[in-house]
Amino acid sequence: MRKANHYILSASFIFISFLSSAQKKASVDPIDGFKSEAIGDLQGKYADYKKIALQIWDYAELGFKEVKSTALLQQTLSSSGFAVQAGVAGMPTAFIATYGSGKPVIGILAEFDALPGLSQEASPEKQSAGKNAGHGCGHHLFGTASVATAIELKKLMDEGKIHGTIKLFGTPAEEGGSGKVYMVRDGFFNNVDVVVHWHPASSNAASYSSSLAVISGKFRFHGISAHAAAAPDKGRSALDAVEGMDFMVNMMREHIPQESRIHYVITNGGKAPNVVPDFAEVFYTVRHPKRDQTQQIFDRVLNAATGATMGTGTSFDYELIAGMYEVLPNRALSEAMQKNIEKVGGVNYTPEETAFAKKIQASFVSKPPSIESVASVEPLAANPDVFYASTDVGDISWVVPTVGMGAATWVAGTPPHSWQAVACGGTEIGTKGMMVAAKSMTLTAIDLFTNKDLIQKATEEFKKLRGEDFTYKCMLGDRKPALDFAQ
């Protein structure tokens, strides 16, 4: 009898253990399984996406001139089954790639323009590649990671694991051309529930910060040419007007809010010193954390231009080039993205990449963070701060709940818009960070496709922050895209 009881107890223990194990398996969140699958699948396509990114890095095309870059991304998406609408919002290199149907509609942003004057080889020493531009802001990585995210989400959609609509927005000319602003103005984000994006950086973290609103314009002065030695009294110098304007604006800096930024570059100052210039041009950018203050400061810059013409006997006209809102951060979305970045983790360097990184850091003017810091994920900021740069993502964030992140595509401490950033972006230091972004954005999008409560919470926060009386008004008015602003 005791032996029989022993068998019964043993059988009961085995059954209970089996039941407990089955319950544990049943309690595993299937979403975690989708996420693990996505991470593995994206990593398996690393070589393909690396090839695309480095090809765009080599193209290094300026804003609104990204003909080959946009074609490569569009072809990659269309061959994967996306419907691609090209040339939207009056911009030949802009596009929207769509897959799926119904709600939710999740938007993904892709950039691909380069910066003028930053030609650089993929070398830890300053060495020009003989081009007129370079990817000093990593937009070759930006666009490629976003395309990778969209394609991976499409795969999950085909497998019936997520449902809704994917919209990838190919946005040109972020560097000064306000490409996204025209897409917002023309209503292309009207039916999108949430927008996800990222940006190359030298650390890993979800973004919970605002940015600087910005207005930029080209001021063109017109004078009278004459022989600078034989008949100077017959001339009226357009360059004098530019310099007069610059002098007054520089004096004005003392009397504007300290968090403001004003930059300018003389793009045309004449051709020969013995000819009084009858034409000169200066390109101005004004920034402030609030768009209304930005507009007020820009109006004062306009007054300086008017005063310069009065003092030099010249005239001027100006062309508004860019106008962008500050970013409206969203805590609910940032927290969700942060968790996914922590799941993915940071970037690990090989010994060769570490040696490259040490040489890069040796060129910095200030002490950088440790090279190993890119392997970790920075904590999410407790309160929103201001990132002292500008982005046309700002306009999107005021019409759709928006979330972004940074991934370490550059050696720790690398400043954006530098030759060091271009160099890192041409190596696996860049493409490894790119895949951190692709994985993190994919996981965040999975949450959005499978968790209606997250979208609702983010939308409620978004509406509260905007205020009930908010109406979007484009800072560029009704001007057409400045397709030739980048020379």
Protein backbone atom coordinates (compact mmCIF):
# COMPACT_ATOMS: atom_id res chain seq x y z
CA MET A 1 0.00 0.00 0.00
CA ARG A 2 2.86 2.32 0.85
CA LYS A 3 4.43 1.55 -2.54
CA ALA A 4 1.16 2.36 -4.27
CA ASN A 5 0.90 5.63 -2.37
CA HIS A 6 4.47 6.40 -3.39
CA TYR A 7 3.58 5.89 -7.05
CA ILE A 8 0.47 8.05 -6.68
CA LEU A 9 2.43 10.84 -4.99
CA SER A 10 5.16 10.64 -7.63
CA ALA A 11 2.65 10.78 -10.44
CA SER A 12 0.89 13.68 -8.76
CA PHE A 13 4.18 15.56 -8.39
CA ILE A 14 5.01 14.98 -12.06
CA PHE A 15 1.56 16.17 -13.13
CA ILE A 16 1.75 19.27 -10.94
CA SER A 17 5.23 20.06 -12.29
CA PHE A 18 4.00 19.61 -15.85
CA LEU A 19 0.96 21.80 -15.16
CA SER A 20 3.14 24.50 -13.57
CA SER A 21 5.52 24.43 -16.53
CA ALA A 22 2.62 24.66 -18.97
CA GLN A 23 1.16 27.59 -17.07
CA LYS A 24 4.51 29.40 -17.16
CA LYS A 25 4.76 28.87 -20.92
CA ALA A 26 1.18 30.05 -21.36
CA SER A 27 1.91 33.17 -19.30
CA VAL A 28 4.81 34.25 -21.52
CA ASP A 29 3.78 37.41 -23.37
CA PRO A 30 3.61 36.60 -27.10
CA ILE A 31 4.68 40.19 -27.81
CA ASP A 32 8.06 39.39 -26.30
CA GLY A 33 8.32 36.55 -28.78
CA PHE A 34 7.56 38.90 -31.67
CA LYS A 35 10.22 41.27 -30.42
CA SER A 36 12.89 38.60 -30.07
CA GLU A 37 12.07 37.37 -33.56
CA ALA A 38 12.36 40.90 -34.96
CA ILE A 39 15.74 41.49 -33.31
CA GLY A 40 17.13 38.27 -34.74
CA ASP A 41 15.68 38.89 -38.17
CA LEU A 42 17.08 42.42 -38.40
CA GLN A 43 20.50 41.25 -37.29
CA GLY A 44 20.38 38.57 -39.97
CA LYS A 45 19.97 41.33 -42.59
CA TYR A 46 22.79 43.47 -41.21
CA ALA A 47 25.00 43.06 -44.25
CA ASP A 48 22.20 44.15 -46.60
CA TYR A 49 21.39 47.30 -44.66
CA LYS A 50 25.04 48.12 -44.13
CA LYS A 51 25.53 48.05 -47.90
CA ILE A 52 22.61 50.46 -48.45
CA ALA A 53 23.79 52.88 -45.77
CA LEU A 54 27.36 53.03 -47.02
CA GLN A 55 26.16 53.55 -50.58
CA ILE A 56 24.17 56.62 -49.47
CA TRP A 57 27.19 57.75 -47.41
CA ASP A 58 29.18 57.63 -50.64
CA TYR A 59 26.51 59.54 -52.60
CA ALA A 60 26.60 62.40 -50.03
CA GLU A 61 23.84 64.43 -51.73
CA LEU A 62 22.71 67.83 -50.49
CA GLY A 63 19.14 68.77 -49.52
CA PHE A 64 16.55 68.48 -52.31
CA LYS A 65 19.28 67.01 -54.54
CA GLU A 66 19.23 63.50 -53.01
CA VAL A 67 18.24 61.89 -56.31
CA LYS A 68 20.27 58.67 -56.02
CA SER A 69 19.76 58.31 -52.27
CA THR A 70 15.98 58.55 -52.43
CA ALA A 71 15.87 56.23 -55.44
CA LEU A 72 17.79 53.54 -53.53
CA LEU A 73 15.50 53.73 -50.50
CA GLN A 74 12.36 53.81 -52.63
CA GLN A 75 13.52 50.79 -54.64
CA THR A 76 14.31 48.88 -51.44
CA LEU A 77 10.80 49.52 -50.14
CA SER A 78 8.93 48.89 -53.38
CA SER A 79 10.75 45.59 -53.93
CA SER A 80 9.62 44.61 -50.43
CA GLY A 81 5.96 45.20 -51.28
CA PHE A 82 5.36 48.80 -50.25
CA ALA A 83 3.31 51.17 -52.37
CA VAL A 84 5.54 54.19 -52.97
CA GLN A 85 4.24 57.67 -53.76
CA ALA A 86 7.12 59.82 -54.98
CA GLY A 87 7.54 63.58 -55.34
CA VAL A 88 5.05 64.56 -52.63
CA ALA A 89 4.48 68.10 -51.31
CA GLY A 90 6.25 69.69 -54.27
CA MET A 91 9.59 68.02 -53.47
CA PRO A 92 10.96 65.66 -56.14
CA THR A 93 13.02 63.61 -53.65
CA ALA A 94 10.29 63.26 -51.01
CA PHE A 95 8.19 60.08 -50.86
CA ILE A 96 5.72 58.09 -48.78
CA ALA A 97 5.83 54.28 -48.67
CA THR A 98 2.68 52.57 -47.38
CA TYR A 99 1.78 49.01 -46.40
CA GLY A 100 -1.25 47.51 -44.66
CA SER A 101 -4.68 48.96 -43.93
CA GLY A 102 -6.77 50.26 -41.09
CA LYS A 103 -5.83 51.51 -37.66
CA PRO A 104 -3.48 52.22 -36.06
CA VAL A 105 -1.45 54.17 -38.59
CA ILE A 106 2.16 54.33 -37.46
CA GLY A 107 4.51 56.74 -39.24
CA ILE A 108 8.27 56.28 -39.50
CA LEU A 109 10.56 59.12 -40.58
CA ALA A 110 13.54 58.66 -42.91
CA GLU A 111 16.16 61.30 -43.74
CA PHE A 112 18.99 61.04 -46.27
CA ASP A 113 20.53 64.45 -47.01
CA ALA A 114 24.19 65.37 -46.45
CA LEU A 115 25.93 68.58 -45.37
CA PRO A 116 27.99 70.91 -47.58
CA GLY A 117 31.73 71.21 -47.04
CA LEU A 118 32.17 68.07 -44.93
CA SER A 119 33.91 65.73 -47.34
CA GLN A 120 35.82 63.09 -45.36
CA GLU A 121 37.18 59.59 -45.85
CA ALA A 122 36.28 56.81 -43.40
CA SER A 123 39.55 57.54 -41.63
CA PRO A 124 40.41 58.59 -38.03
CA GLU A 125 42.53 61.40 -39.46
CA LYS A 126 41.10 64.46 -41.23
CA GLN A 127 41.25 63.51 -44.91
CA SER A 128 38.99 64.89 -47.63
CA ALA A 129 37.22 62.46 -49.93
CA GLY A 130 37.24 65.03 -52.73
CA LYS A 131 33.50 65.73 -52.63
CA ASN A 132 31.50 68.86 -51.87
CA ALA A 133 29.50 67.25 -49.06
CA GLY A 134 29.55 64.62 -46.36
CA HIS A 135 27.15 62.86 -43.99
CA GLY A 136 28.15 64.81 -40.87
CA CYS A 137 24.72 64.23 -39.31
CA GLY A 138 24.44 60.55 -40.22
CA HIS A 139 21.31 60.77 -42.33
CA HIS A 140 22.51 57.88 -44.51
CA LEU A 141 22.15 55.75 -41.38
CA PHE A 142 18.89 57.48 -40.40
CA GLY A 143 17.11 56.64 -43.65
CA THR A 144 18.41 53.09 -43.84
CA ALA A 145 17.46 52.16 -40.26
CA SER A 146 13.97 53.53 -40.80
CA VAL A 147 13.55 51.52 -44.00
CA ALA A 148 14.77 48.41 -42.15
CA THR A 149 12.18 49.06 -39.44
CA ALA A 150 9.35 49.42 -41.95
CA ILE A 151 10.29 46.23 -43.78
CA GLU A 152 10.52 44.23 -40.53
CA LEU A 153 7.11 45.48 -39.42
CA LYS A 154 5.68 44.51 -42.80
CA LYS A 155 7.01 40.97 -42.25
CA LEU A 156 5.25 40.76 -38.87
CA MET A 157 2.10 42.10 -40.50
CA ASP A 158 2.23 39.45 -43.21
CA GLU A 159 2.53 36.80 -40.49
CA GLY A 160 -0.63 38.13 -38.82
CA LYS A 161 1.19 39.20 -35.67
CA ILE A 162 0.40 42.90 -35.95
CA HIS A 163 -2.38 44.76 -37.77
CA GLY A 164 -2.74 48.27 -39.10
CA THR A 165 -0.92 50.57 -41.52
CA ILE A 166 2.78 51.40 -41.85
CA LYS A 167 3.72 54.73 -43.44
CA LEU A 168 7.35 55.54 -44.03
CA PHE A 169 7.94 59.21 -44.84
CA GLY A 170 11.02 59.87 -46.95
CA THR A 171 11.82 63.43 -45.87
CA PRO A 172 14.47 65.40 -47.81
CA ALA A 173 16.48 68.50 -46.89
CA GLU A 174 16.31 68.32 -43.10
CA GLU A 175 19.53 70.32 -43.08
CA GLY A 176 18.04 73.75 -43.61
CA GLY A 177 15.32 72.98 -46.16
CA SER A 178 12.42 72.17 -43.79
CA GLY A 179 11.31 69.23 -45.93
CA LYS A 180 8.96 67.79 -43.31
CA VAL A 181 7.27 71.15 -42.82
CA TYR A 182 5.86 71.08 -46.36
CA MET A 183 4.56 67.55 -45.80
CA VAL A 184 2.84 68.68 -42.59
CA ARG A 185 1.43 71.78 -44.29
CA ASP A 186 0.01 69.66 -47.12
CA GLY A 187 -1.77 67.32 -44.70
CA PHE A 188 0.22 64.11 -45.17
CA PHE A 189 0.31 63.46 -41.40
CA ASN A 190 -3.36 64.16 -40.76
CA ASN A 191 -4.46 60.54 -40.31
CA VAL A 192 -1.33 59.21 -38.59
CA ASP A 193 -1.72 58.05 -34.97
CA VAL A 194 1.93 58.11 -33.83
CA VAL A 195 5.23 58.97 -35.50
CA VAL A 196 8.49 57.19 -34.63
CA HIS A 197 11.95 58.45 -35.55
CA TRP A 198 15.59 58.44 -34.45
CA HIS A 199 18.83 60.31 -34.97
CA PRO A 200 22.49 59.32 -35.04
CA ALA A 201 24.35 60.29 -31.86
CA SER A 202 27.27 59.33 -29.64
CA SER A 203 25.12 57.68 -26.96
CA ASN A 204 21.97 55.56 -26.70
CA ALA A 205 18.72 56.82 -25.17
CA ALA A 206 15.14 57.76 -25.88
CA SER A 207 14.70 61.48 -26.39
CA TYR A 208 12.63 63.41 -23.90
CA SER A 209 13.54 66.94 -24.88
CA SER A 210 12.45 69.87 -26.95
CA SER A 211 14.57 71.71 -29.51
CA LEU A 212 15.07 75.20 -30.88
CA ALA A 213 12.53 76.71 -33.22
CA VAL A 214 14.25 78.24 -36.22
CA ILE A 215 13.79 80.73 -39.05
CA SER A 216 16.37 81.23 -41.77
CA GLY A 217 16.54 83.46 -44.81
CA LYS A 218 18.84 84.71 -47.53
CA PHE A 219 19.24 88.51 -47.65
CA ARG A 220 20.17 89.81 -51.10
CA PHE A 221 21.47 93.36 -51.40
CA HIS A 222 21.55 95.35 -54.62
CA GLY A 223 23.88 98.31 -55.25
CA ILE A 224 25.65 100.04 -58.14
CA SER A 225 28.94 98.81 -59.58
CA ALA A 226 31.81 101.17 -60.37
CA HIS A 227 35.60 101.25 -60.51
CA ALA A 228 36.67 101.08 -56.88
CA ALA A 229 39.67 103.41 -57.44
CA ALA A 230 38.76 105.66 -60.39
CA ALA A 231 35.08 106.24 -59.64
CA PRO A 232 34.19 105.06 -56.13
CA ASP A 233 31.69 107.91 -55.70
CA LYS A 234 29.67 106.52 -58.57
CA GLY A 235 29.21 103.16 -56.82
CA ARG A 236 27.02 101.88 -54.01
CA SER A 237 28.41 98.72 -52.41
CA ALA A 238 26.06 95.80 -51.75
CA LEU A 239 28.86 94.27 -49.67
CA ASP A 240 28.91 97.37 -47.46
CA ALA A 241 25.22 96.77 -46.83
CA VAL A 242 25.88 93.13 -45.85
CA GLU A 243 28.63 94.18 -43.48
CA GLY A 244 26.47 96.96 -42.05
CA MET A 245 23.68 94.47 -41.39
CA ASP A 246 26.08 91.99 -39.80
CA PHE A 247 27.52 94.72 -37.54
CA MET A 248 24.11 95.75 -36.28
CA VAL A 249 22.99 92.16 -35.69
CA ASN A 250 26.17 91.46 -33.76
CA MET A 251 25.48 94.46 -31.51
CA MET A 252 21.92 93.18 -31.10
CA ARG A 253 23.16 89.93 -29.53
CA GLU A 254 23.58 91.70 -26.19
CA HIS A 255 19.90 92.56 -26.16
CA ILE A 256 18.20 89.26 -26.96
CA PRO A 257 17.35 86.33 -24.63
CA GLN A 258 20.54 84.46 -23.76
CA GLU A 259 19.22 81.11 -24.98
CA SER A 260 18.84 82.52 -28.51
CA ARG A 261 21.18 81.67 -31.37
CA ILE A 262 21.98 83.74 -34.48
CA HIS A 263 24.34 82.48 -37.21
CA TYR A 264 25.22 83.87 -40.62
CA VAL A 265 27.52 83.25 -43.53
CA ILE A 266 28.27 85.62 -46.43
CA THR A 267 27.46 83.54 -49.48
CA ASN A 268 28.36 86.21 -52.05
CA GLY A 269 30.55 89.21 -51.33
CA GLY A 270 31.55 90.30 -54.82
CA LYS A 271 34.10 89.03 -57.32
CA ALA A 272 37.00 91.47 -57.40
CA PRO A 273 38.26 94.14 -54.95
CA ASN A 274 38.60 96.78 -57.69
CA VAL A 275 34.89 96.54 -58.58
CA VAL A 276 32.29 97.97 -56.23
CA PRO A 277 29.96 94.96 -55.73
CA ASP A 278 26.47 95.57 -57.06
CA PHE A 279 25.25 92.33 -55.48
CA ALA A 280 25.96 90.60 -52.20
CA GLU A 281 24.15 87.94 -50.19
CA VAL A 282 24.17 86.81 -46.57
CA PHE A 283 22.40 83.73 -45.19
CA TYR A 284 20.97 84.08 -41.66
CA THR A 285 19.59 81.57 -39.16
CA VAL A 286 17.76 82.60 -35.97
CA ARG A 287 16.85 80.18 -33.17
CA HIS A 288 15.09 80.20 -29.80
CA PRO A 289 13.35 77.52 -27.69
CA LYS A 290 9.97 79.13 -28.50
CA ARG A 291 8.78 79.88 -32.01
CA ASP A 292 7.11 83.19 -31.14
CA GLN A 293 10.39 84.52 -29.73
CA THR A 294 12.21 83.22 -32.80
CA GLN A 295 9.88 85.23 -35.02
CA GLN A 296 10.38 88.38 -32.96
CA ILE A 297 14.17 88.14 -33.18
CA PHE A 298 14.02 87.47 -36.91
CA ASP A 299 11.89 90.60 -37.35
CA ARG A 300 14.66 92.58 -35.65
CA VAL A 301 17.18 91.06 -38.05
CA LEU A 302 14.95 92.30 -40.87
CA ASN A 303 15.09 95.77 -39.37
CA ALA A 304 18.88 95.61 -39.36
CA ALA A 305 18.81 94.81 -43.08
CA THR A 306 16.56 97.79 -43.71
CA GLY A 307 18.85 100.05 -41.73
CA ALA A 308 21.87 98.79 -43.67
CA THR A 309 20.29 99.80 -46.96
CA MET A 310 19.47 103.27 -45.66
CA GLY A 311 23.07 103.82 -44.64
CA THR A 312 24.61 102.53 -47.87
CA GLY A 313 22.21 103.70 -50.54
CA THR A 314 21.32 100.17 -51.56
CA SER A 315 18.19 98.01 -51.60
CA PHE A 316 17.46 94.46 -50.51
CA ASP A 317 15.05 91.60 -50.75
CA TYR A 318 15.03 88.37 -48.81
CA GLU A 319 13.91 84.78 -49.29
CA LEU A 320 12.55 82.79 -46.38
CA ILE A 321 14.35 79.44 -46.56
CA ALA A 322 13.36 77.54 -43.42
CA GLY A 323 10.93 77.84 -40.54
CA MET A 324 10.45 75.08 -37.98
CA TYR A 325 8.65 74.56 -34.67
CA GLU A 326 10.33 73.40 -31.49
CA VAL A 327 9.78 69.71 -30.68
CA LEU A 328 6.84 68.81 -28.41
CA PRO A 329 8.09 65.86 -26.27
CA ASN A 330 5.79 63.04 -25.14
CA ARG A 331 6.56 61.27 -21.87
CA ALA A 332 4.35 58.22 -22.42
CA LEU A 333 5.99 57.43 -25.74
CA SER A 334 9.50 58.19 -24.50
CA GLU A 335 9.12 55.78 -21.60
CA ALA A 336 7.92 53.03 -23.94
CA MET A 337 10.81 53.59 -26.34
CA GLN A 338 13.35 53.71 -23.51
CA LYS A 339 12.33 50.22 -22.34
CA ASN A 340 12.86 48.88 -25.84
CA ILE A 341 16.28 50.49 -26.22
CA GLU A 342 17.29 48.90 -22.92
CA LYS A 343 16.11 45.54 -24.26
CA VAL A 344 18.25 45.97 -27.39
CA GLY A 345 21.34 47.36 -25.63
CA GLY A 346 24.19 49.48 -26.92
CA VAL A 347 27.12 49.05 -29.30
CA ASN A 348 30.19 46.87 -28.73
CA TYR A 349 33.43 47.59 -30.56
CA THR A 350 36.01 45.16 -31.89
CA PRO A 351 39.67 45.82 -30.92
CA GLU A 352 40.17 47.45 -34.34
CA GLU A 353 37.16 49.71 -33.83
CA THR A 354 38.40 50.66 -30.37
CA ALA A 355 41.75 51.68 -31.88
CA PHE A 356 39.88 53.76 -34.49
CA ALA A 357 37.83 55.36 -31.71
CA LYS A 358 40.94 56.30 -29.72
CA LYS A 359 42.39 58.10 -32.74
CA ILE A 360 39.11 59.93 -33.29
CA GLN A 361 38.94 61.04 -29.66
CA ALA A 362 42.55 62.27 -29.84
CA SER A 363 41.34 64.96 -32.28
CA PHE A 364 38.74 66.42 -29.89
CA VAL A 365 39.28 69.80 -28.24
CA SER A 366 37.69 68.71 -24.94
CA LYS A 367 37.85 65.55 -22.87
CA PRO A 368 35.31 63.00 -24.17
CA PRO A 369 33.36 60.30 -22.31
CA SER A 370 34.85 56.82 -22.15
CA ILE A 371 34.88 54.87 -25.39
CA GLU A 372 33.03 52.01 -23.66
CA SER A 373 30.06 54.26 -22.81
CA VAL A 374 28.45 53.48 -26.18
CA ALA A 375 27.83 49.93 -24.96
CA SER A 376 25.35 51.17 -22.37
CA VAL A 377 21.99 52.94 -22.52
CA GLU A 378 21.65 56.34 -20.88
CA PRO A 379 18.75 56.78 -18.44
CA LEU A 380 15.66 58.65 -19.60
CA ALA A 381 15.66 62.28 -18.51
CA ALA A 382 13.35 62.92 -15.56
CA ASN A 383 12.15 66.22 -17.02
CA PRO A 384 12.12 67.57 -20.56
CA ASP A 385 15.06 69.82 -21.41
CA VAL A 386 16.07 71.70 -24.56
CA PHE A 387 18.46 70.25 -27.11
CA TYR A 388 20.22 73.24 -28.66
CA ALA A 389 19.67 72.34 -32.27
CA SER A 390 16.69 72.45 -34.61
CA THR A 391 14.78 69.86 -36.60
CA ASP A 392 11.75 69.83 -38.85
CA VAL A 393 10.48 66.92 -36.74
CA GLY A 394 9.26 69.77 -34.53
CA ASP A 395 6.34 70.59 -36.83
CA ILE A 396 5.30 66.93 -36.96
CA SER A 397 5.35 66.68 -33.16
CA TRP A 398 2.69 69.41 -32.93
CA VAL A 399 0.24 67.60 -35.24
CA VAL A 400 0.90 63.94 -34.27
CA PRO A 401 2.22 62.38 -31.03
CA THR A 402 5.89 61.80 -31.82
CA VAL A 403 8.74 59.88 -30.21
CA GLY A 404 12.44 59.74 -31.04
CA MET A 405 15.72 58.30 -29.85
CA GLY A 406 19.45 58.56 -30.34
CA ALA A 407 21.75 55.64 -31.10
CA ALA A 408 25.54 55.62 -30.81
CA THR A 409 26.65 55.72 -34.43
CA TRP A 410 29.61 57.96 -33.55
CA VAL A 411 32.49 57.55 -31.14
CA ALA A 412 31.58 58.87 -27.67
CA GLY A 413 31.96 62.63 -27.53
CA THR A 414 31.83 63.19 -31.30
CA PRO A 415 30.12 66.47 -32.20
CA PRO A 416 27.54 66.31 -35.00
CA HIS A 417 28.31 68.20 -38.20
CA SER A 418 32.00 67.33 -37.89
CA TRP A 419 34.51 65.44 -40.02
CA GLN A 420 34.77 62.92 -37.18
CA ALA A 421 31.04 62.17 -37.51
CA VAL A 422 31.43 61.66 -41.25
CA ALA A 423 34.36 59.30 -40.67
CA CYS A 424 32.50 57.18 -38.10
CA GLY A 425 29.46 57.00 -40.36
CA GLY A 426 31.52 55.35 -43.07
CA THR A 427 32.51 52.44 -40.82
CA GLU A 428 30.87 49.67 -38.84
CA ILE A 429 30.94 51.96 -35.83
CA GLY A 430 28.14 53.75 -37.65
CA THR A 431 26.27 50.79 -39.06
CA LYS A 432 26.26 48.92 -35.74
CA GLY A 433 24.60 51.90 -34.09
CA MET A 434 22.19 52.10 -37.00
CA MET A 435 20.96 48.59 -36.21
CA VAL A 436 20.45 49.49 -32.55
CA ALA A 437 18.07 52.17 -33.82
CA ALA A 438 16.31 49.84 -36.28
CA LYS A 439 15.72 47.22 -33.60
CA SER A 440 14.57 49.75 -30.98
CA MET A 441 12.17 51.48 -33.36
CA THR A 442 10.75 48.15 -34.50
CA LEU A 443 10.11 47.04 -30.92
CA THR A 444 8.49 50.37 -30.10
CA ALA A 445 6.26 50.12 -33.17
CA ILE A 446 5.24 46.60 -32.13
CA ASP A 447 4.06 48.05 -28.82
CA LEU A 448 2.06 50.69 -30.68
CA PHE A 449 0.46 48.16 -33.02
CA THR A 450 -0.51 45.83 -30.17
CA ASN A 451 -1.32 48.22 -27.31
CA LYS A 452 -4.18 50.65 -27.95
CA ASP A 453 -3.87 51.98 -24.40
CA LEU A 454 -0.37 53.29 -25.14
CA ILE A 455 -1.60 55.27 -28.13
CA GLN A 456 -4.55 56.61 -26.14
CA LYS A 457 -2.33 57.68 -23.24
CA ALA A 458 0.15 59.36 -25.59
CA THR A 459 -2.65 61.13 -27.46
CA GLU A 460 -4.22 62.44 -24.27
CA GLU A 461 -0.84 63.82 -23.14
CA PHE A 462 -0.27 65.32 -26.58
CA LYS A 463 -3.61 67.16 -26.58
CA LYS A 464 -3.09 68.45 -23.05
CA LEU A 465 0.36 69.85 -23.86
CA ARG A 466 -0.82 71.54 -27.07
CA GLY A 467 -3.82 73.12 -25.41
CA GLU A 468 -7.42 73.19 -26.56
CA ASP A 469 -7.01 76.32 -28.68
CA PHE A 470 -3.98 75.15 -30.66
CA THR A 471 -4.13 75.47 -34.44
CA TYR A 472 -1.13 74.55 -36.55
CA LYS A 473 0.21 77.47 -38.59
CA CYS A 474 3.14 76.89 -40.90
CA MET A 475 6.01 79.30 -40.23
CA LEU A 476 6.84 79.26 -43.95
CA GLY A 477 3.46 80.56 -45.01
CA ASP A 478 2.54 79.48 -48.52
CA ARG A 479 6.02 79.56 -50.08
CA LYS A 480 7.02 76.60 -52.23
CA PRO A 481 9.96 74.39 -51.20
CA ALA A 482 13.31 76.15 -51.68
CA LEU A 483 14.61 73.45 -53.98
CA ASP A 484 17.82 75.33 -54.86
CA PHE A 485 18.77 76.60 -51.38
CA ALA A 486 21.72 74.19 -51.07
CA GLN A 487 24.55 75.07 -53.45
